[in-house]
Amino acid sequence: MTKTNFRKAGSLLVAALLIPGAADQAHARRGHPAPPQTGPAQPGPTPAAPANTEGMSTLRLSATLAVNDSQPVRSGLVWRVFEEAAQPDGSHKLVAQSDEPTPTLPLPDGAYIVHAAYGLAGATRRVLVEGHSVSERLPLNAGGLKLIDMLGESKIPPQRLSISIYVPERGNAEAKLVLAGAKGDEIICLPEGAYHIVSTLLDTTQGAQGGNNATNSVVTADLKVPAGKLIEATLKHHAATMTLKLVKAPGGEALANTSFSVLTPGGDVIRELIGAFPSLVLAEGEYVAIARHEGKTYQNTFRVQSTKDADVEIVMKEDAPPEERPQ
């Protein structure tokens, strides 16, 4: 397991936690109840504000990252207001929705369930509107996580990574997947709690069949996200790009129509490739390369050093001619 470096960046700037388009990805987890189920017919146009607000009260909403925060969240929120009373099918009617950070909503008197979604975090509260304006501030109990993946001294581009975030349970680090396809070097809003991160380096070399193949370079990290704080975690991959060649003599021309297999010393197959000189990304370590050409099989062992891209030559060793017997 690669060592993970953590840096806590003091109080989290509220505006920094904006995740464009992510507010509807998921509802709150780990102690934050999800909004009421609205039934299969619920999704549709956002309810419009009543044209005539006479006789209505107003509901003013705001949210903070932590209970003790004085500054409200300024962007990235999605508010939904449901009637508390369930309909005959068990769903709750959506009566208002807003993506304003601090909306003011006109509502008839009644009991409502208010839900605030913010990235993967959220909060729910029952609100009673009775003939006067009501103000509600919901603590999201959320923080920010920023993952920085490195290969040597260079940042790894997001398209070369597959990052998954899990909520662990005792004895199972990957018990609950909360986010697949997380983006490196971006701030991800998460409910306060413990998380298990799995970062897999992807192979985007031309020789990788199908492209974007997962490599055996996998880095994991276990960390806690506190409410109102930003956590930065640096995950260091150790890998290199290796180019396979079957040659008749060292330094010779690579032979076409060759199939290759790359195995661990224990015999587990890592990848199979076809071509004159296919390339693949491998984690640091020792491997066995097997080449098959015109019905014959050749092999060589090699070692991968992190960031040291190299060629791996497999030399065709012909059987030596028999020794001549003395007359």
C-alpha atoms as a PDB file:
ATOM      1  CA  MET A   1       0.000   0.000   0.000  1.00  0.00           C
ATOM      2  CA  THR A   2       1.373   3.370  -0.943  1.00  0.00           C
ATOM      3  CA  LYS A   3       1.785   5.855   1.851  1.00  0.00           C
ATOM      4  CA  THR A   4      -0.766   8.679   1.746  1.00  0.00           C
ATOM      5  CA  ASN A   5      -0.012  12.245   2.726  1.00  0.00           C
ATOM      6  CA  PHE A   6      -2.727  14.396   4.270  1.00  0.00           C
ATOM      7  CA  ARG A   7      -2.948  18.155   4.645  1.00  0.00           C
ATOM      8  CA  LYS A   8      -5.729  19.898   6.527  1.00  0.00           C
ATOM      9  CA  ALA A   9      -6.417  23.347   5.140  1.00  0.00           C
ATOM     10  CA  GLY A  10      -8.132  25.062   8.078  1.00  0.00           C
ATOM     11  CA  SER A  11     -11.667  26.278   7.630  1.00  0.00           C
ATOM     12  CA  LEU A  12     -13.162  25.368   4.301  1.00  0.00           C
ATOM     13  CA  LEU A  13     -14.069  28.281   2.064  1.00  0.00           C
ATOM     14  CA  VAL A  14     -17.720  27.775   1.335  1.00  0.00           C
ATOM     15  CA  ALA A  15     -17.551  28.721  -2.321  1.00  0.00           C
ATOM     16  CA  ALA A  16     -14.742  26.256  -2.937  1.00  0.00           C
ATOM     17  CA  LEU A  17     -16.983  23.263  -2.406  1.00  0.00           C
ATOM     18  CA  LEU A  18     -19.048  23.872  -5.526  1.00  0.00           C
ATOM     19  CA  ILE A  19     -19.248  20.763  -7.672  1.00  0.00           C
ATOM     20  CA  PRO A  20     -20.989  21.783 -10.926  1.00  0.00           C
ATOM     21  CA  GLY A  21     -23.735  19.353 -11.809  1.00  0.00           C
ATOM     22  CA  ALA A  22     -23.054  17.155  -8.792  1.00  0.00           C
ATOM     23  CA  ALA A  23     -25.719  18.359  -6.406  1.00  0.00           C
ATOM     24  CA  ASP A  24     -28.187  15.770  -7.639  1.00  0.00           C
ATOM     25  CA  GLN A  25     -25.725  12.845  -7.751  1.00  0.00           C
ATOM     26  CA  ALA A  26     -26.788  11.350  -4.449  1.00  0.00           C
ATOM     27  CA  HIS A  27     -28.613  12.136  -1.234  1.00  0.00           C
ATOM     28  CA  ALA A  28     -27.103  12.299   2.207  1.00  0.00           C
ATOM     29  CA  ARG A  29     -25.620   9.182   3.726  1.00  0.00           C
ATOM     30  CA  ARG A  30     -24.380   8.146   7.166  1.00  0.00           C
ATOM     31  CA  GLY A  31     -26.973   9.741   9.409  1.00  0.00           C
ATOM     32  CA  HIS A  32     -28.514  12.244   6.986  1.00  0.00           C
ATOM     33  CA  PRO A  33     -31.980  11.043   5.930  1.00  0.00           C
ATOM     34  CA  ALA A  34     -32.874  11.160   2.273  1.00  0.00           C
ATOM     35  CA  PRO A  35     -35.891  13.142   1.070  1.00  0.00           C
ATOM     36  CA  PRO A  36     -39.214  11.328   0.921  1.00  0.00           C
ATOM     37  CA  GLN A  37     -39.761   9.034  -2.036  1.00  0.00           C
ATOM     38  CA  THR A  38     -41.873  10.811  -4.574  1.00  0.00           C
ATOM     39  CA  GLY A  39     -43.049   7.866  -6.662  1.00  0.00           C
ATOM     40  CA  PRO A  40     -42.424   7.077 -10.330  1.00  0.00           C
ATOM     41  CA  ALA A  41     -44.497  10.004 -11.581  1.00  0.00           C
ATOM     42  CA  GLN A  42     -42.699  12.584  -9.448  1.00  0.00           C
ATOM     43  CA  PRO A  43     -39.798  13.665 -11.773  1.00  0.00           C
ATOM     44  CA  GLY A  44     -40.959  16.445 -14.029  1.00  0.00           C
ATOM     45  CA  PRO A  45     -40.942  20.219 -14.396  1.00  0.00           C
ATOM     46  CA  THR A  46     -39.902  22.197 -11.357  1.00  0.00           C
ATOM     47  CA  PRO A  47     -42.993  23.453  -9.523  1.00  0.00           C
ATOM     48  CA  ALA A  48     -43.507  27.104 -10.306  1.00  0.00           C
ATOM     49  CA  ALA A  49     -44.086  29.664  -7.589  1.00  0.00           C
ATOM     50  CA  PRO A  50     -47.783  30.447  -7.165  1.00  0.00           C
ATOM     51  CA  ALA A  51     -48.865  33.374  -9.296  1.00  0.00           C
ATOM     52  CA  ASN A  52     -50.976  34.700  -6.442  1.00  0.00           C
ATOM     53  CA  THR A  53     -49.116  34.654  -3.140  1.00  0.00           C
ATOM     54  CA  GLU A  54     -51.820  36.514  -1.204  1.00  0.00           C
ATOM     55  CA  GLY A  55     -52.531  34.795   2.079  1.00  0.00           C
ATOM     56  CA  MET A  56     -49.336  32.749   1.895  1.00  0.00           C
ATOM     57  CA  SER A  57     -46.434  32.716   4.275  1.00  0.00           C
ATOM     58  CA  THR A  58     -42.789  32.642   3.240  1.00  0.00           C
ATOM     59  CA  LEU A  59     -40.127  30.088   4.030  1.00  0.00           C
ATOM     60  CA  ARG A  60     -36.553  31.379   4.037  1.00  0.00           C
ATOM     61  CA  LEU A  61     -33.874  28.696   3.756  1.00  0.00           C
ATOM     62  CA  SER A  62     -30.103  28.599   4.202  1.00  0.00           C
ATOM     63  CA  ALA A  63     -27.487  25.949   4.958  1.00  0.00           C
ATOM     64  CA  THR A  64     -24.086  25.763   6.635  1.00  0.00           C
ATOM     65  CA  LEU A  65     -21.342  23.150   6.344  1.00  0.00           C
ATOM     66  CA  ALA A  66     -21.071  22.639  10.113  1.00  0.00           C
ATOM     67  CA  VAL A  67     -23.305  23.339  13.073  1.00  0.00           C
ATOM     68  CA  ASN A  68     -21.076  26.138  14.364  1.00  0.00           C
ATOM     69  CA  ASP A  69     -20.513  27.843  11.003  1.00  0.00           C
ATOM     70  CA  SER A  70     -21.790  31.405  10.821  1.00  0.00           C
ATOM     71  CA  GLN A  71     -21.506  31.794   7.049  1.00  0.00           C
ATOM     72  CA  PRO A  72     -24.095  30.072   4.848  1.00  0.00           C
ATOM     73  CA  VAL A  73     -23.187  28.031   1.781  1.00  0.00           C
ATOM     74  CA  ARG A  74     -23.142  30.397  -1.200  1.00  0.00           C
ATOM     75  CA  SER A  75     -23.514  28.065  -4.173  1.00  0.00           C
ATOM     76  CA  GLY A  76     -24.085  24.481  -5.301  1.00  0.00           C
ATOM     77  CA  LEU A  77     -27.226  23.780  -3.263  1.00  0.00           C
ATOM     78  CA  VAL A  78     -30.458  22.215  -4.485  1.00  0.00           C
ATOM     79  CA  TRP A  79     -33.501  22.711  -2.262  1.00  0.00           C
ATOM     80  CA  ARG A  80     -36.650  20.594  -2.439  1.00  0.00           C
ATOM     81  CA  VAL A  81     -39.798  21.068  -0.384  1.00  0.00           C
ATOM     82  CA  PHE A  82     -42.327  18.236  -0.045  1.00  0.00           C
ATOM     83  CA  GLU A  83     -45.728  18.047   1.591  1.00  0.00           C
ATOM     84  CA  GLU A  84     -45.398  16.092   4.814  1.00  0.00           C
ATOM     85  CA  ALA A  85     -48.675  14.235   4.250  1.00  0.00           C
ATOM     86  CA  ALA A  86     -48.202  11.203   2.044  1.00  0.00           C
ATOM     87  CA  GLN A  87     -50.350  10.680  -1.032  1.00  0.00           C
ATOM     88  CA  PRO A  88     -52.391   7.473  -1.514  1.00  0.00           C
ATOM     89  CA  ASP A  89     -49.481   5.792  -3.293  1.00  0.00           C
ATOM     90  CA  GLY A  90     -47.134   6.600  -0.410  1.00  0.00           C
ATOM     91  CA  SER A  91     -45.226   9.335  -2.225  1.00  0.00           C
ATOM     92  CA  HIS A  92     -44.845  12.932  -1.054  1.00  0.00           C
ATOM     93  CA  LYS A  93     -45.773  15.764  -3.389  1.00  0.00           C
ATOM     94  CA  LEU A  94     -42.961  18.089  -4.401  1.00  0.00           C
ATOM     95  CA  VAL A  95     -44.285  21.627  -3.977  1.00  0.00           C
ATOM     96  CA  ALA A  96     -41.167  23.761  -4.466  1.00  0.00           C
ATOM     97  CA  GLN A  97     -37.610  23.443  -5.719  1.00  0.00           C
ATOM     98  CA  SER A  98     -34.780  25.957  -5.978  1.00  0.00           C
ATOM     99  CA  ASP A  99     -31.071  26.046  -6.751  1.00  0.00           C
ATOM    100  CA  GLU A 100     -30.636  29.436  -5.108  1.00  0.00           C
ATOM    101  CA  PRO A 101     -28.309  29.286  -2.093  1.00  0.00           C
ATOM    102  CA  THR A 102     -30.783  31.139   0.183  1.00  0.00           C
ATOM    103  CA  PRO A 103     -34.244  30.948  -1.405  1.00  0.00           C
ATOM    104  CA  THR A 104     -37.413  32.573  -0.106  1.00  0.00           C
ATOM    105  CA  LEU A 105     -40.419  30.412  -0.989  1.00  0.00           C
ATOM    106  CA  PRO A 106     -44.091  31.373  -0.696  1.00  0.00           C
ATOM    107  CA  LEU A 107     -46.106  28.473   0.755  1.00  0.00           C
ATOM    108  CA  PRO A 108     -49.595  27.877   2.072  1.00  0.00           C
ATOM    109  CA  ASP A 109     -49.867  27.050   5.740  1.00  0.00           C
ATOM    110  CA  GLY A 110     -49.029  23.447   6.464  1.00  0.00           C
ATOM    111  CA  ALA A 111     -46.355  20.926   7.390  1.00  0.00           C
ATOM    112  CA  TYR A 112     -43.487  20.308   4.994  1.00  0.00           C
ATOM    113  CA  ILE A 113     -40.313  18.282   4.657  1.00  0.00           C
ATOM    114  CA  VAL A 114     -37.349  20.345   3.432  1.00  0.00           C
ATOM    115  CA  HIS A 115     -34.310  18.676   1.889  1.00  0.00           C
ATOM    116  CA  ALA A 116     -31.012  20.369   0.979  1.00  0.00           C
ATOM    117  CA  ALA A 117     -28.647  18.491  -1.369  1.00  0.00           C
ATOM    118  CA  TYR A 118     -25.014  19.544  -1.688  1.00  0.00           C
ATOM    119  CA  GLY A 119     -22.748  17.256  -3.654  1.00  0.00           C
ATOM    120  CA  LEU A 120     -22.984  13.916  -1.855  1.00  0.00           C
ATOM    121  CA  ALA A 121     -24.077  15.587   1.371  1.00  0.00           C
ATOM    122  CA  GLY A 122     -27.572  16.583   2.413  1.00  0.00           C
ATOM    123  CA  ALA A 123     -29.883  17.381   5.288  1.00  0.00           C
ATOM    124  CA  THR A 124     -33.611  17.045   5.931  1.00  0.00           C
ATOM    125  CA  ARG A 125     -35.897  18.916   8.301  1.00  0.00           C
ATOM    126  CA  ARG A 126     -39.598  19.063   9.080  1.00  0.00           C
ATOM    127  CA  VAL A 127     -40.938  22.627   8.894  1.00  0.00           C
ATOM    128  CA  LEU A 128     -44.297  23.983  10.020  1.00  0.00           C
ATOM    129  CA  VAL A 129     -45.651  27.094   8.261  1.00  0.00           C
ATOM    130  CA  GLU A 130     -48.460  28.778  10.209  1.00  0.00           C
ATOM    131  CA  GLY A 131     -49.461  32.253   9.082  1.00  0.00           C
ATOM    132  CA  HIS A 132     -46.063  33.920   9.409  1.00  0.00           C
ATOM    133  CA  SER A 133     -42.646  33.885   7.811  1.00  0.00           C
ATOM    134  CA  VAL A 134     -40.335  31.080   8.845  1.00  0.00           C
ATOM    135  CA  SER A 135     -36.524  30.980   8.587  1.00  0.00           C
ATOM    136  CA  GLU A 136     -34.648  27.699   8.689  1.00  0.00           C
ATOM    137  CA  ARG A 137     -30.905  27.093   8.595  1.00  0.00           C
ATOM    138  CA  LEU A 138     -29.836  23.477   8.016  1.00  0.00           C
ATOM    139  CA  PRO A 139     -26.346  22.247   8.991  1.00  0.00           C
ATOM    140  CA  LEU A 140     -25.089  19.853   6.313  1.00  0.00           C
ATOM    141  CA  ASN A 141     -22.370  18.286   8.494  1.00  0.00           C
ATOM    142  CA  ALA A 142     -20.198  18.152   5.365  1.00  0.00           C
ATOM    143  CA  GLY A 143     -16.588  18.687   4.398  1.00  0.00           C
ATOM    144  CA  GLY A 144     -14.434  18.688   1.303  1.00  0.00           C
ATOM    145  CA  LEU A 145     -12.017  16.127  -0.090  1.00  0.00           C
ATOM    146  CA  LYS A 146      -9.406  16.870  -2.739  1.00  0.00           C
ATOM    147  CA  LEU A 147      -7.406  13.964  -4.185  1.00  0.00           C
ATOM    148  CA  ILE A 148      -4.069  14.585  -5.889  1.00  0.00           C
ATOM    149  CA  ASP A 149      -2.582  11.588  -7.745  1.00  0.00           C
ATOM    150  CA  MET A 150       1.105  11.646  -8.588  1.00  0.00           C
ATOM    151  CA  LEU A 151       3.428   9.529 -10.722  1.00  0.00           C
ATOM    152  CA  GLY A 152       6.914  10.482  -9.698  1.00  0.00           C
ATOM    153  CA  GLU A 153       6.986  14.286  -9.587  1.00  0.00           C
ATOM    154  CA  SER A 154       4.126  14.741 -12.087  1.00  0.00           C
ATOM    155  CA  LYS A 155       0.398  15.010 -11.526  1.00  0.00           C
ATOM    156  CA  ILE A 156      -1.595  12.296 -13.259  1.00  0.00           C
ATOM    157  CA  PRO A 157      -4.243  13.669 -15.682  1.00  0.00           C
ATOM    158  CA  PRO A 158      -7.833  12.851 -14.596  1.00  0.00           C
ATOM    159  CA  GLN A 159      -8.467  10.792 -17.755  1.00  0.00           C
ATOM    160  CA  ARG A 160      -5.741   8.379 -16.655  1.00  0.00           C
ATOM    161  CA  LEU A 161      -7.415   7.588 -13.330  1.00  0.00           C
ATOM    162  CA  SER A 162     -10.356   5.607 -12.039  1.00  0.00           C
ATOM    163  CA  ILE A 163     -11.175   6.724  -8.493  1.00  0.00           C
ATOM    164  CA  SER A 164     -13.839   5.191  -6.264  1.00  0.00           C
ATOM    165  CA  ILE A 165     -14.902   6.329  -2.791  1.00  0.00           C
ATOM    166  CA  TYR A 166     -16.361   3.873  -0.278  1.00  0.00           C
ATOM    167  CA  VAL A 167     -17.805   4.005   3.214  1.00  0.00           C
ATOM    168  CA  PRO A 168     -16.033   1.201   5.104  1.00  0.00           C
ATOM    169  CA  GLU A 169     -17.522  -1.140   7.652  1.00  0.00           C
ATOM    170  CA  ARG A 170     -15.757  -3.344  10.148  1.00  0.00           C
ATOM    171  CA  GLY A 171     -13.862  -5.999   8.210  1.00  0.00           C
ATOM    172  CA  ASN A 172     -14.826  -4.593   4.793  1.00  0.00           C
ATOM    173  CA  ALA A 173     -13.104  -1.454   3.525  1.00  0.00           C
ATOM    174  CA  GLU A 174     -15.267  -1.391   0.376  1.00  0.00           C
ATOM    175  CA  ALA A 175     -18.606  -2.084   2.048  1.00  0.00           C
ATOM    176  CA  LYS A 176     -20.570   0.755   0.434  1.00  0.00           C
ATOM    177  CA  LEU A 177     -19.689   2.546  -2.806  1.00  0.00           C
ATOM    178  CA  VAL A 178     -20.728   6.197  -2.542  1.00  0.00           C
ATOM    179  CA  LEU A 179     -19.001   7.637  -5.614  1.00  0.00           C
ATOM    180  CA  ALA A 180     -17.550   5.970  -8.706  1.00  0.00           C
ATOM    181  CA  GLY A 181     -15.586   7.983 -11.229  1.00  0.00           C
ATOM    182  CA  ALA A 182     -14.453  10.664  -8.793  1.00  0.00           C
ATOM    183  CA  LYS A 183     -12.235  13.301 -10.387  1.00  0.00           C
ATOM    184  CA  GLY A 184      -8.743  13.939  -9.142  1.00  0.00           C
ATOM    185  CA  ASP A 185      -7.660  17.484  -8.290  1.00  0.00           C
ATOM    186  CA  GLU A 186     -11.283  18.578  -7.744  1.00  0.00           C
ATOM    187  CA  ILE A 187     -13.017  19.292  -4.441  1.00  0.00           C
ATOM    188  CA  ILE A 188     -15.673  16.691  -3.621  1.00  0.00           C
ATOM    189  CA  CYS A 189     -18.324  17.513  -1.030  1.00  0.00           C
ATOM    190  CA  LEU A 190     -18.950  14.581   1.339  1.00  0.00           C
ATOM    191  CA  PRO A 191     -20.873  14.022   4.553  1.00  0.00           C
ATOM    192  CA  GLU A 192     -18.690  14.029   7.648  1.00  0.00           C
ATOM    193  CA  GLY A 193     -17.247  10.565   8.234  1.00  0.00           C
ATOM    194  CA  ALA A 194     -14.653   7.920   7.372  1.00  0.00           C
ATOM    195  CA  TYR A 195     -13.931   6.925   3.776  1.00  0.00           C
ATOM    196  CA  HIS A 196     -11.847   4.405   1.850  1.00  0.00           C
ATOM    197  CA  ILE A 197     -10.330   5.638  -1.426  1.00  0.00           C
ATOM    198  CA  VAL A 198      -9.268   3.368  -4.302  1.00  0.00           C
ATOM    199  CA  SER A 199      -7.282   4.990  -7.116  1.00  0.00           C
ATOM    200  CA  THR A 200      -6.459   2.871 -10.195  1.00  0.00           C
ATOM    201  CA  LEU A 201      -4.069   4.067 -12.881  1.00  0.00           C
ATOM    202  CA  LEU A 202      -5.442   3.602 -16.395  1.00  0.00           C
ATOM    203  CA  ASP A 203      -3.429   2.538 -19.438  1.00  0.00           C
ATOM    204  CA  THR A 204      -3.987   4.917 -22.350  1.00  0.00           C
ATOM    205  CA  THR A 205      -1.024   3.826 -24.478  1.00  0.00           C
ATOM    206  CA  GLN A 206      -1.702   3.095 -28.150  1.00  0.00           C
ATOM    207  CA  GLY A 207      -0.695  -0.482 -27.645  1.00  0.00           C
ATOM    208  CA  ALA A 208      -3.334  -1.051 -24.974  1.00  0.00           C
ATOM    209  CA  GLN A 209      -6.139  -2.940 -26.664  1.00  0.00           C
ATOM    210  CA  GLY A 210      -9.465  -1.200 -26.174  1.00  0.00           C
ATOM    211  CA  GLY A 211      -7.797   1.815 -24.517  1.00  0.00           C
ATOM    212  CA  ASN A 212      -8.162   3.019 -20.932  1.00  0.00           C
ATOM    213  CA  ASN A 213      -7.472  -0.407 -19.468  1.00  0.00           C
ATOM    214  CA  ALA A 214      -7.135  -0.623 -15.708  1.00  0.00           C
ATOM    215  CA  THR A 215      -3.543  -1.335 -14.711  1.00  0.00           C
ATOM    216  CA  ASN A 216      -2.235  -3.177 -11.680  1.00  0.00           C
ATOM    217  CA  SER A 217      -1.097   0.141 -10.168  1.00  0.00           C
ATOM    218  CA  VAL A 218      -3.683   0.643  -7.410  1.00  0.00           C
ATOM    219  CA  VAL A 219      -3.308   3.012  -4.469  1.00  0.00           C
ATOM    220  CA  THR A 220      -5.652   3.006  -1.467  1.00  0.00           C
ATOM    221  CA  ALA A 221      -6.142   5.428   1.402  1.00  0.00           C
ATOM    222  CA  ASP A 222      -8.284   5.566   4.531  1.00  0.00           C
ATOM    223  CA  LEU A 223      -9.169   9.004   5.825  1.00  0.00           C
ATOM    224  CA  LYS A 224     -11.758  11.031   7.721  1.00  0.00           C
ATOM    225  CA  VAL A 225     -13.597  14.077   6.392  1.00  0.00           C
ATOM    226  CA  PRO A 226     -14.548  16.487   9.205  1.00  0.00           C
ATOM    227  CA  ALA A 227     -17.455  18.914   8.897  1.00  0.00           C
ATOM    228  CA  GLY A 228     -16.445  22.353   7.655  1.00  0.00           C
ATOM    229  CA  LYS A 229     -12.903  21.304   6.727  1.00  0.00           C
ATOM    230  CA  LEU A 230     -11.017  20.568   3.534  1.00  0.00           C
ATOM    231  CA  ILE A 231      -8.836  17.454   3.413  1.00  0.00           C
ATOM    232  CA  GLU A 232      -6.176  17.079   0.728  1.00  0.00           C
ATOM    233  CA  ALA A 233      -4.770  13.590   0.119  1.00  0.00           C
ATOM    234  CA  THR A 234      -1.806  12.887  -2.150  1.00  0.00           C
ATOM    235  CA  LEU A 235      -1.806   9.378  -3.619  1.00  0.00           C
ATOM    236  CA  LYS A 236       1.479   8.270  -5.172  1.00  0.00           C
ATOM    237  CA  HIS A 237       1.490   5.680  -7.952  1.00  0.00           C
ATOM    238  CA  HIS A 238       4.660   3.753  -8.814  1.00  0.00           C
ATOM    239  CA  ALA A 239       4.534   2.553 -12.416  1.00  0.00           C
ATOM    240  CA  ALA A 240       6.110   2.848 -15.865  1.00  0.00           C
ATOM    241  CA  THR A 241       5.312   2.170 -19.523  1.00  0.00           C
ATOM    242  CA  MET A 242       6.989  -0.914 -20.956  1.00  0.00           C
ATOM    243  CA  THR A 243       7.229  -1.762 -24.679  1.00  0.00           C
ATOM    244  CA  LEU A 244       7.482  -5.454 -25.606  1.00  0.00           C
ATOM    245  CA  LYS A 245       9.549  -6.688 -28.562  1.00  0.00           C
ATOM    246  CA  LEU A 246      10.379 -10.101 -29.952  1.00  0.00           C
ATOM    247  CA  VAL A 247      13.749  -9.895 -31.712  1.00  0.00           C
ATOM    248  CA  LYS A 248      16.118 -12.353 -33.366  1.00  0.00           C
ATOM    249  CA  ALA A 249      19.119 -10.704 -31.699  1.00  0.00           C
ATOM    250  CA  PRO A 250      19.584  -8.000 -29.054  1.00  0.00           C
ATOM    251  CA  GLY A 251      18.812  -4.602 -30.566  1.00  0.00           C
ATOM    252  CA  GLY A 252      17.222  -6.227 -33.613  1.00  0.00           C
ATOM    253  CA  GLU A 253      13.990  -5.332 -35.395  1.00  0.00           C
ATOM    254  CA  ALA A 254      10.739  -6.260 -33.666  1.00  0.00           C
ATOM    255  CA  LEU A 255       8.850  -9.111 -35.333  1.00  0.00           C
ATOM    256  CA  ALA A 256       5.242  -8.550 -36.359  1.00  0.00           C
ATOM    257  CA  ASN A 257       2.374 -10.993 -35.788  1.00  0.00           C
ATOM    258  CA  THR A 258       3.537 -11.741 -32.256  1.00  0.00           C
ATOM    259  CA  SER A 259       1.275 -12.322 -29.274  1.00  0.00           C
ATOM    260  CA  PHE A 260       2.511 -11.447 -25.801  1.00  0.00           C
ATOM    261  CA  SER A 261       1.496 -12.361 -22.279  1.00  0.00           C
ATOM    262  CA  VAL A 262       2.738 -10.555 -19.177  1.00  0.00           C
ATOM    263  CA  LEU A 263       2.650 -12.547 -15.943  1.00  0.00           C
ATOM    264  CA  THR A 264       3.631 -12.100 -12.327  1.00  0.00           C
ATOM    265  CA  PRO A 265       6.443 -14.350 -11.046  1.00  0.00           C
ATOM    266  CA  GLY A 266       3.678 -16.477  -9.520  1.00  0.00           C
ATOM    267  CA  GLY A 267       2.076 -17.054 -12.920  1.00  0.00           C
ATOM    268  CA  ASP A 268      -0.922 -14.696 -12.737  1.00  0.00           C
ATOM    269  CA  VAL A 269      -1.689 -13.127 -16.129  1.00  0.00           C
ATOM    270  CA  ILE A 270      -1.569  -9.309 -16.057  1.00  0.00           C
ATOM    271  CA  ARG A 271      -2.267  -8.533 -19.719  1.00  0.00           C
ATOM    272  CA  GLU A 272      -2.244 -10.128 -23.165  1.00  0.00           C
ATOM    273  CA  LEU A 273      -1.321  -8.096 -26.230  1.00  0.00           C
ATOM    274  CA  ILE A 274      -0.738  -8.562 -29.962  1.00  0.00           C
ATOM    275  CA  GLY A 275       1.572  -6.639 -32.304  1.00  0.00           C
ATOM    276  CA  ALA A 276       5.173  -5.921 -33.192  1.00  0.00           C
ATOM    277  CA  PHE A 277       5.866  -3.707 -30.175  1.00  0.00           C
ATOM    278  CA  PRO A 278       2.810  -3.215 -27.955  1.00  0.00           C
ATOM    279  CA  SER A 279       3.092  -1.061 -24.842  1.00  0.00           C
ATOM    280  CA  LEU A 280       1.467  -1.322 -21.448  1.00  0.00           C
ATOM    281  CA  VAL A 281       1.645   0.365 -18.058  1.00  0.00           C
ATOM    282  CA  LEU A 282       2.775  -1.798 -15.140  1.00  0.00           C
ATOM    283  CA  ALA A 283       3.218  -1.200 -11.441  1.00  0.00           C
ATOM    284  CA  GLU A 284       6.751  -1.334 -10.095  1.00  0.00           C
ATOM    285  CA  GLY A 285       7.933  -4.919  -9.652  1.00  0.00           C
ATOM    286  CA  GLU A 286       9.136  -8.082 -11.407  1.00  0.00           C
ATOM    287  CA  TYR A 287       7.366  -9.773 -14.333  1.00  0.00           C
ATOM    288  CA  VAL A 288       7.652 -12.532 -16.911  1.00  0.00           C
ATOM    289  CA  ALA A 289       7.046 -11.753 -20.597  1.00  0.00           C
ATOM    290  CA  ILE A 290       6.053 -14.592 -22.937  1.00  0.00           C
ATOM    291  CA  ALA A 291       6.078 -14.156 -26.731  1.00  0.00           C
ATOM    292  CA  ARG A 292       4.436 -16.522 -29.238  1.00  0.00           C
ATOM    293  CA  HIS A 293       5.439 -16.389 -32.889  1.00  0.00           C
ATOM    294  CA  GLU A 294       4.889 -18.919 -35.680  1.00  0.00           C
ATOM    295  CA  GLY A 295       4.078 -21.712 -33.274  1.00  0.00           C
ATOM    296  CA  LYS A 296       7.080 -21.159 -31.019  1.00  0.00           C
ATOM    297  CA  THR A 297       7.206 -19.676 -27.525  1.00  0.00           C
ATOM    298  CA  TYR A 298       9.924 -17.511 -26.009  1.00  0.00           C
ATOM    299  CA  GLN A 299      10.151 -15.766 -22.648  1.00  0.00           C
ATOM    300  CA  ASN A 300      12.149 -13.320 -20.586  1.00  0.00           C
ATOM    301  CA  THR A 301      11.983 -11.885 -17.088  1.00  0.00           C
ATOM    302  CA  PHE A 302      12.172  -8.136 -16.496  1.00  0.00           C
ATOM    303  CA  ARG A 303      11.812  -5.534 -13.768  1.00  0.00           C
ATOM    304  CA  VAL A 304       9.758  -2.316 -13.789  1.00  0.00           C
ATOM    305  CA  GLN A 305      11.113   0.766 -12.016  1.00  0.00           C
ATOM    306  CA  SER A 306       8.706   3.628 -11.352  1.00  0.00           C
ATOM    307  CA  THR A 307       8.746   6.372 -14.040  1.00  0.00           C
ATOM    308  CA  LYS A 308      11.486   4.492 -15.956  1.00  0.00           C
ATOM    309  CA  ASP A 309       9.806   3.729 -19.293  1.00  0.00           C
ATOM    310  CA  ALA A 310      11.753   1.044 -21.148  1.00  0.00           C
ATOM    311  CA  ASP A 311      11.771  -1.593 -23.883  1.00  0.00           C
ATOM    312  CA  VAL A 312      11.594  -5.267 -22.987  1.00  0.00           C
ATOM    313  CA  GLU A 313      13.322  -7.461 -25.560  1.00  0.00           C
ATOM    314  CA  ILE A 314      12.579 -11.145 -25.825  1.00  0.00           C
ATOM    315  CA  VAL A 315      15.320 -12.755 -27.876  1.00  0.00           C
ATOM    316  CA  MET A 316      14.554 -15.755 -30.079  1.00  0.00           C
ATOM    317  CA  LYS A 317      17.097 -18.299 -28.867  1.00  0.00           C
ATOM    318  CA  GLU A 318      17.653 -20.996 -31.435  1.00  0.00           C
ATOM    319  CA  ASP A 319      18.866 -24.411 -30.376  1.00  0.00           C
ATOM    320  CA  ALA A 320      22.615 -24.699 -30.619  1.00  0.00           C
ATOM    321  CA  PRO A 321      23.895 -27.096 -33.382  1.00  0.00           C
ATOM    322  CA  PRO A 322      24.955 -30.523 -32.083  1.00  0.00           C
ATOM    323  CA  GLU A 323      28.658 -30.924 -31.328  1.00  0.00           C
ATOM    324  CA  GLU A 324      30.633 -32.855 -33.910  1.00  0.00           C
ATOM    325  CA  ARG A 325      31.911 -36.193 -32.694  1.00  0.00           C
ATOM    326  CA  PRO A 326      35.632 -36.851 -33.107  1.00  0.00           C
ATOM    327  CA  GLN A 327      36.473 -39.215 -35.968  1.00  0.00           C
END
